[in-house]
Amino acid sequence: MKDGLYHLRFKSNQQDFGVGIITIKDGKVNGGDTTYFYQGNITKDSALLRVTRFSDQTAPLFGAAKEFHLELRVKHVMGYHILEGHVQGKSGIQIQIHIRLLAPLA
């Protein structure tokens, strides 16, 4: 996947949805939203992200867990990417993330 700054929009089968920002550089992912930050690795086919909750100001999307990992498959679709998968060890907690390149990294 191309290095850059990406907008993401996500939804889960649990209850909620949201938006965030990530950077991708040399297959490494860093980013976050108002409740979580994300770090991990991504290839053209898959991603593994560690997700850490840093704020208790909003209802957490994935329950009380302070940290968890997402196992994701990556698909390229007409100018953006779709990442689909689940919380590691909990295949019943599904997530879909649409990411779109905003700009190259400075």
N, C-alpha and C. Protein backbone atom coordinates (compact mmCIF):
# COMPACT_ATOMS: atom_id res chain seq x y z
N MET A 1 0.85 -1.18 0.00
CA MET A 1 0.00 0.00 0.00
C MET A 1 0.89 1.24 0.00
N LYS A 2 0.43 2.26 -0.68
CA LYS A 2 1.21 3.48 -0.86
C LYS A 2 1.38 4.23 0.47
N ASP A 3 2.60 4.74 0.70
CA ASP A 3 2.84 5.58 1.87
C ASP A 3 1.97 6.83 1.77
N GLY A 4 1.41 7.28 2.91
CA GLY A 4 0.61 8.49 2.88
C GLY A 4 -0.23 8.69 4.12
N LEU A 5 -1.00 9.74 4.09
CA LEU A 5 -1.97 10.10 5.12
C LEU A 5 -3.34 9.68 4.62
N TYR A 6 -4.06 8.90 5.43
CA TYR A 6 -5.33 8.31 5.02
C TYR A 6 -6.47 8.69 5.98
N HIS A 7 -7.64 8.90 5.40
CA HIS A 7 -8.87 9.03 6.16
C HIS A 7 -9.49 7.65 6.29
N LEU A 8 -10.02 7.31 7.45
CA LEU A 8 -10.69 6.03 7.59
C LEU A 8 -12.09 6.20 8.16
N ARG A 9 -12.97 5.31 7.71
CA ARG A 9 -14.36 5.26 8.17
C ARG A 9 -14.62 3.80 8.52
N PHE A 10 -15.09 3.56 9.73
CA PHE A 10 -15.26 2.17 10.15
C PHE A 10 -16.63 1.92 10.75
N LYS A 11 -17.02 0.64 10.71
CA LYS A 11 -18.25 0.21 11.36
C LYS A 11 -18.02 -1.22 11.83
N SER A 12 -18.74 -1.58 12.89
CA SER A 12 -18.62 -2.95 13.40
C SER A 12 -20.00 -3.58 13.47
N ASN A 13 -20.01 -4.87 13.67
CA ASN A 13 -21.28 -5.56 13.83
C ASN A 13 -21.77 -5.47 15.27
N GLN A 14 -21.06 -4.77 16.13
CA GLN A 14 -21.43 -4.66 17.53
C GLN A 14 -22.44 -3.55 17.79
N GLN A 15 -22.10 -2.32 17.38
CA GLN A 15 -23.03 -1.23 17.70
C GLN A 15 -22.70 0.09 17.05
N ASP A 16 -21.50 0.32 16.62
CA ASP A 16 -21.09 1.70 16.37
C ASP A 16 -20.33 1.85 15.06
N PHE A 17 -19.94 3.09 14.82
CA PHE A 17 -19.17 3.47 13.65
C PHE A 17 -18.31 4.65 14.03
N GLY A 18 -17.40 5.04 13.17
CA GLY A 18 -16.56 6.19 13.48
C GLY A 18 -15.64 6.53 12.34
N VAL A 19 -14.81 7.54 12.58
CA VAL A 19 -13.84 8.01 11.60
C VAL A 19 -12.52 8.26 12.31
N GLY A 20 -11.44 8.25 11.53
CA GLY A 20 -10.13 8.51 12.09
C GLY A 20 -9.15 8.84 10.98
N ILE A 21 -7.89 8.95 11.37
CA ILE A 21 -6.78 9.27 10.47
C ILE A 21 -5.65 8.29 10.75
N ILE A 22 -4.99 7.80 9.69
CA ILE A 22 -3.80 6.98 9.85
C ILE A 22 -2.73 7.44 8.88
N THR A 23 -1.49 7.14 9.23
CA THR A 23 -0.39 7.27 8.29
C THR A 23 0.13 5.87 8.00
N ILE A 24 0.58 5.67 6.78
CA ILE A 24 1.24 4.44 6.39
C ILE A 24 2.60 4.83 5.83
N LYS A 25 3.64 4.22 6.39
CA LYS A 25 5.01 4.45 5.91
C LYS A 25 5.76 3.14 5.97
N ASP A 26 6.22 2.68 4.83
CA ASP A 26 7.00 1.43 4.73
C ASP A 26 6.27 0.27 5.40
N GLY A 27 4.95 0.18 5.21
CA GLY A 27 4.17 -0.91 5.76
C GLY A 27 3.81 -0.79 7.23
N LYS A 28 4.16 0.33 7.86
CA LYS A 28 3.83 0.58 9.27
C LYS A 28 2.65 1.54 9.34
N VAL A 29 1.73 1.25 10.24
CA VAL A 29 0.52 2.05 10.40
C VAL A 29 0.54 2.74 11.77
N ASN A 30 0.21 4.03 11.80
CA ASN A 30 0.02 4.79 13.04
C ASN A 30 -1.15 5.73 12.83
N GLY A 31 -2.01 5.84 13.83
CA GLY A 31 -3.14 6.74 13.69
C GLY A 31 -4.06 6.67 14.88
N GLY A 32 -5.26 7.23 14.72
CA GLY A 32 -6.20 7.21 15.81
C GLY A 32 -7.47 7.97 15.52
N ASP A 33 -8.31 7.99 16.55
CA ASP A 33 -9.56 8.74 16.52
C ASP A 33 -9.75 9.34 17.91
N THR A 34 -10.97 9.68 18.28
CA THR A 34 -11.19 10.36 19.56
C THR A 34 -11.12 9.43 20.77
N THR A 35 -11.09 8.12 20.56
CA THR A 35 -11.09 7.17 21.67
C THR A 35 -9.91 6.20 21.64
N TYR A 36 -9.42 5.85 20.45
CA TYR A 36 -8.38 4.83 20.30
C TYR A 36 -7.21 5.37 19.48
N PHE A 37 -6.01 4.77 19.71
CA PHE A 37 -4.94 4.93 18.72
C PHE A 37 -4.57 3.56 18.21
N TYR A 38 -4.07 3.53 16.96
CA TYR A 38 -3.80 2.27 16.28
C TYR A 38 -2.36 2.25 15.81
N GLN A 39 -1.71 1.10 15.94
CA GLN A 39 -0.36 0.90 15.44
C GLN A 39 -0.25 -0.52 14.92
N GLY A 40 0.50 -0.70 13.85
CA GLY A 40 0.66 -2.05 13.34
C GLY A 40 1.33 -2.09 11.99
N ASN A 41 1.06 -3.18 11.28
CA ASN A 41 1.67 -3.46 9.98
C ASN A 41 0.59 -3.73 8.95
N ILE A 42 0.90 -3.32 7.69
CA ILE A 42 -0.04 -3.55 6.60
C ILE A 42 0.73 -3.94 5.34
N THR A 43 0.15 -4.87 4.58
CA THR A 43 0.68 -5.25 3.27
C THR A 43 -0.45 -5.05 2.26
N LYS A 44 -0.22 -5.44 1.03
CA LYS A 44 -1.29 -5.29 0.03
C LYS A 44 -2.45 -6.24 0.29
N ASP A 45 -2.23 -7.31 1.11
CA ASP A 45 -3.26 -8.32 1.35
C ASP A 45 -3.81 -8.37 2.77
N SER A 46 -3.05 -7.90 3.76
CA SER A 46 -3.49 -8.07 5.15
C SER A 46 -2.92 -6.99 6.06
N ALA A 47 -3.51 -6.89 7.24
CA ALA A 47 -3.04 -5.94 8.25
C ALA A 47 -3.27 -6.55 9.63
N LEU A 48 -2.37 -6.23 10.54
CA LEU A 48 -2.52 -6.58 11.95
C LEU A 48 -2.30 -5.30 12.73
N LEU A 49 -3.33 -4.84 13.42
CA LEU A 49 -3.27 -3.58 14.16
C LEU A 49 -3.49 -3.80 15.64
N ARG A 50 -2.65 -3.18 16.45
CA ARG A 50 -2.88 -3.12 17.90
C ARG A 50 -3.68 -1.85 18.15
N VAL A 51 -4.80 -1.99 18.83
CA VAL A 51 -5.71 -0.88 19.10
C VAL A 51 -5.73 -0.64 20.60
N THR A 52 -5.45 0.60 21.01
CA THR A 52 -5.36 0.94 22.43
C THR A 52 -6.33 2.08 22.73
N ARG A 53 -7.18 1.88 23.74
CA ARG A 53 -8.11 2.93 24.16
C ARG A 53 -7.38 3.89 25.10
N PHE A 54 -7.45 5.18 24.79
CA PHE A 54 -6.79 6.18 25.63
C PHE A 54 -7.78 7.13 26.29
N SER A 55 -9.05 7.07 25.89
CA SER A 55 -10.05 8.00 26.42
C SER A 55 -11.27 7.25 26.91
N ASP A 56 -11.78 7.69 28.05
CA ASP A 56 -13.02 7.13 28.58
C ASP A 56 -14.19 8.09 28.38
N GLN A 57 -13.99 9.12 27.54
CA GLN A 57 -15.01 10.14 27.34
C GLN A 57 -16.18 9.67 26.49
N THR A 58 -15.98 8.65 25.66
CA THR A 58 -17.05 8.11 24.84
C THR A 58 -17.21 6.62 25.12
N ALA A 59 -18.37 6.08 24.77
CA ALA A 59 -18.60 4.65 24.95
C ALA A 59 -17.66 3.88 24.02
N PRO A 60 -16.88 2.94 24.56
CA PRO A 60 -15.95 2.21 23.71
C PRO A 60 -16.66 1.28 22.73
N LEU A 61 -16.19 1.29 21.49
CA LEU A 61 -16.77 0.49 20.42
C LEU A 61 -16.66 -1.00 20.68
N PHE A 62 -15.58 -1.42 21.33
CA PHE A 62 -15.32 -2.85 21.49
C PHE A 62 -15.39 -3.30 22.95
N GLY A 63 -16.23 -2.67 23.75
CA GLY A 63 -16.38 -3.10 25.13
C GLY A 63 -15.30 -2.53 26.03
N ALA A 64 -15.07 -3.20 27.14
CA ALA A 64 -14.20 -2.68 28.19
C ALA A 64 -12.71 -2.89 27.93
N ALA A 65 -12.34 -3.66 26.93
CA ALA A 65 -10.93 -3.97 26.68
C ALA A 65 -10.13 -2.69 26.44
N LYS A 66 -9.03 -2.56 27.16
CA LYS A 66 -8.14 -1.40 27.01
C LYS A 66 -7.27 -1.54 25.77
N GLU A 67 -6.95 -2.78 25.39
CA GLU A 67 -6.13 -3.02 24.22
C GLU A 67 -6.53 -4.34 23.56
N PHE A 68 -6.50 -4.38 22.24
CA PHE A 68 -6.80 -5.59 21.49
C PHE A 68 -6.15 -5.48 20.12
N HIS A 69 -6.16 -6.56 19.37
CA HIS A 69 -5.59 -6.60 18.03
C HIS A 69 -6.68 -6.88 17.00
N LEU A 70 -6.56 -6.26 15.84
CA LEU A 70 -7.46 -6.51 14.71
C LEU A 70 -6.70 -7.28 13.64
N GLU A 71 -7.27 -8.38 13.19
CA GLU A 71 -6.76 -9.14 12.05
C GLU A 71 -7.62 -8.78 10.85
N LEU A 72 -7.00 -8.23 9.80
CA LEU A 72 -7.76 -7.67 8.69
C LEU A 72 -7.26 -8.16 7.33
N ARG A 73 -8.17 -8.33 6.40
CA ARG A 73 -7.86 -8.57 5.00
C ARG A 73 -8.00 -7.23 4.27
N VAL A 74 -7.14 -7.00 3.28
CA VAL A 74 -7.12 -5.74 2.55
C VAL A 74 -7.59 -5.98 1.12
N LYS A 75 -8.55 -5.16 0.66
CA LYS A 75 -9.02 -5.22 -0.72
C LYS A 75 -8.97 -3.82 -1.32
N HIS A 76 -8.48 -3.72 -2.56
CA HIS A 76 -8.48 -2.44 -3.27
C HIS A 76 -9.76 -2.35 -4.11
N VAL A 77 -10.48 -1.22 -3.94
CA VAL A 77 -11.75 -1.04 -4.65
C VAL A 77 -11.84 0.40 -5.15
N MET A 78 -11.72 0.59 -6.45
CA MET A 78 -12.00 1.87 -7.10
C MET A 78 -11.49 3.10 -6.34
N GLY A 79 -10.21 3.22 -6.11
CA GLY A 79 -9.64 4.42 -5.51
C GLY A 79 -9.56 4.43 -4.00
N TYR A 80 -10.00 3.38 -3.34
CA TYR A 80 -9.83 3.30 -1.88
C TYR A 80 -9.62 1.84 -1.51
N HIS A 81 -9.42 1.58 -0.24
CA HIS A 81 -9.20 0.22 0.24
C HIS A 81 -10.24 -0.12 1.30
N ILE A 82 -10.62 -1.38 1.35
CA ILE A 82 -11.51 -1.89 2.38
C ILE A 82 -10.73 -2.91 3.19
N LEU A 83 -10.70 -2.71 4.50
CA LEU A 83 -10.09 -3.66 5.42
C LEU A 83 -11.22 -4.32 6.18
N GLU A 84 -11.29 -5.63 6.12
CA GLU A 84 -12.35 -6.38 6.81
C GLU A 84 -11.73 -7.45 7.68
N GLY A 85 -12.28 -7.64 8.86
CA GLY A 85 -11.76 -8.68 9.73
C GLY A 85 -12.44 -8.69 11.07
N HIS A 86 -11.65 -9.07 12.08
CA HIS A 86 -12.22 -9.26 13.41
C HIS A 86 -11.18 -9.00 14.50
N VAL A 87 -11.68 -8.90 15.71
CA VAL A 87 -10.81 -8.80 16.87
C VAL A 87 -10.13 -10.16 17.05
N GLN A 88 -8.82 -10.13 17.21
CA GLN A 88 -8.05 -11.36 17.36
C GLN A 88 -8.58 -12.17 18.55
N GLY A 89 -8.88 -13.44 18.28
CA GLY A 89 -9.41 -14.31 19.33
C GLY A 89 -10.90 -14.20 19.55
N LYS A 90 -11.56 -13.29 18.83
CA LYS A 90 -13.01 -13.08 18.97
C LYS A 90 -13.61 -12.88 17.59
N SER A 91 -13.72 -13.95 16.82
CA SER A 91 -14.16 -13.83 15.43
C SER A 91 -15.59 -13.31 15.30
N GLY A 92 -16.35 -13.30 16.38
CA GLY A 92 -17.71 -12.77 16.34
C GLY A 92 -17.76 -11.25 16.35
N ILE A 93 -16.66 -10.59 16.67
CA ILE A 93 -16.61 -9.13 16.67
C ILE A 93 -15.96 -8.69 15.37
N GLN A 94 -16.80 -8.38 14.38
CA GLN A 94 -16.36 -8.03 13.03
C GLN A 94 -16.24 -6.52 12.86
N ILE A 95 -15.33 -6.12 11.97
CA ILE A 95 -15.18 -4.70 11.65
C ILE A 95 -14.89 -4.56 10.16
N GLN A 96 -15.37 -3.45 9.60
CA GLN A 96 -15.07 -3.09 8.22
C GLN A 96 -14.57 -1.64 8.24
N ILE A 97 -13.44 -1.42 7.57
CA ILE A 97 -12.81 -0.10 7.55
C ILE A 97 -12.58 0.31 6.09
N HIS A 98 -13.07 1.48 5.71
CA HIS A 98 -12.80 2.03 4.39
C HIS A 98 -11.71 3.09 4.57
N ILE A 99 -10.61 2.98 3.82
CA ILE A 99 -9.56 3.99 3.91
C ILE A 99 -9.32 4.60 2.54
N ARG A 100 -9.07 5.92 2.57
CA ARG A 100 -8.86 6.68 1.34
C ARG A 100 -7.63 7.57 1.52
N LEU A 101 -6.75 7.55 0.55
CA LEU A 101 -5.55 8.36 0.58
C LEU A 101 -5.91 9.85 0.50
N LEU A 102 -5.40 10.63 1.46
CA LEU A 102 -5.62 12.07 1.46
C LEU A 102 -4.45 12.81 0.84
N ALA A 103 -3.21 12.41 1.20
CA ALA A 103 -2.04 13.13 0.74
C ALA A 103 -0.79 12.26 0.96
N PRO A 104 0.25 12.53 0.18
CA PRO A 104 1.52 11.86 0.47
C PRO A 104 2.09 12.39 1.78
N LEU A 105 2.99 11.65 2.39
CA LEU A 105 3.61 12.11 3.63
C LEU A 105 4.60 13.23 3.32
N ALA A 106 4.70 14.17 4.23
CA ALA A 106 5.63 15.30 4.05
C ALA A 106 7.05 14.86 4.39
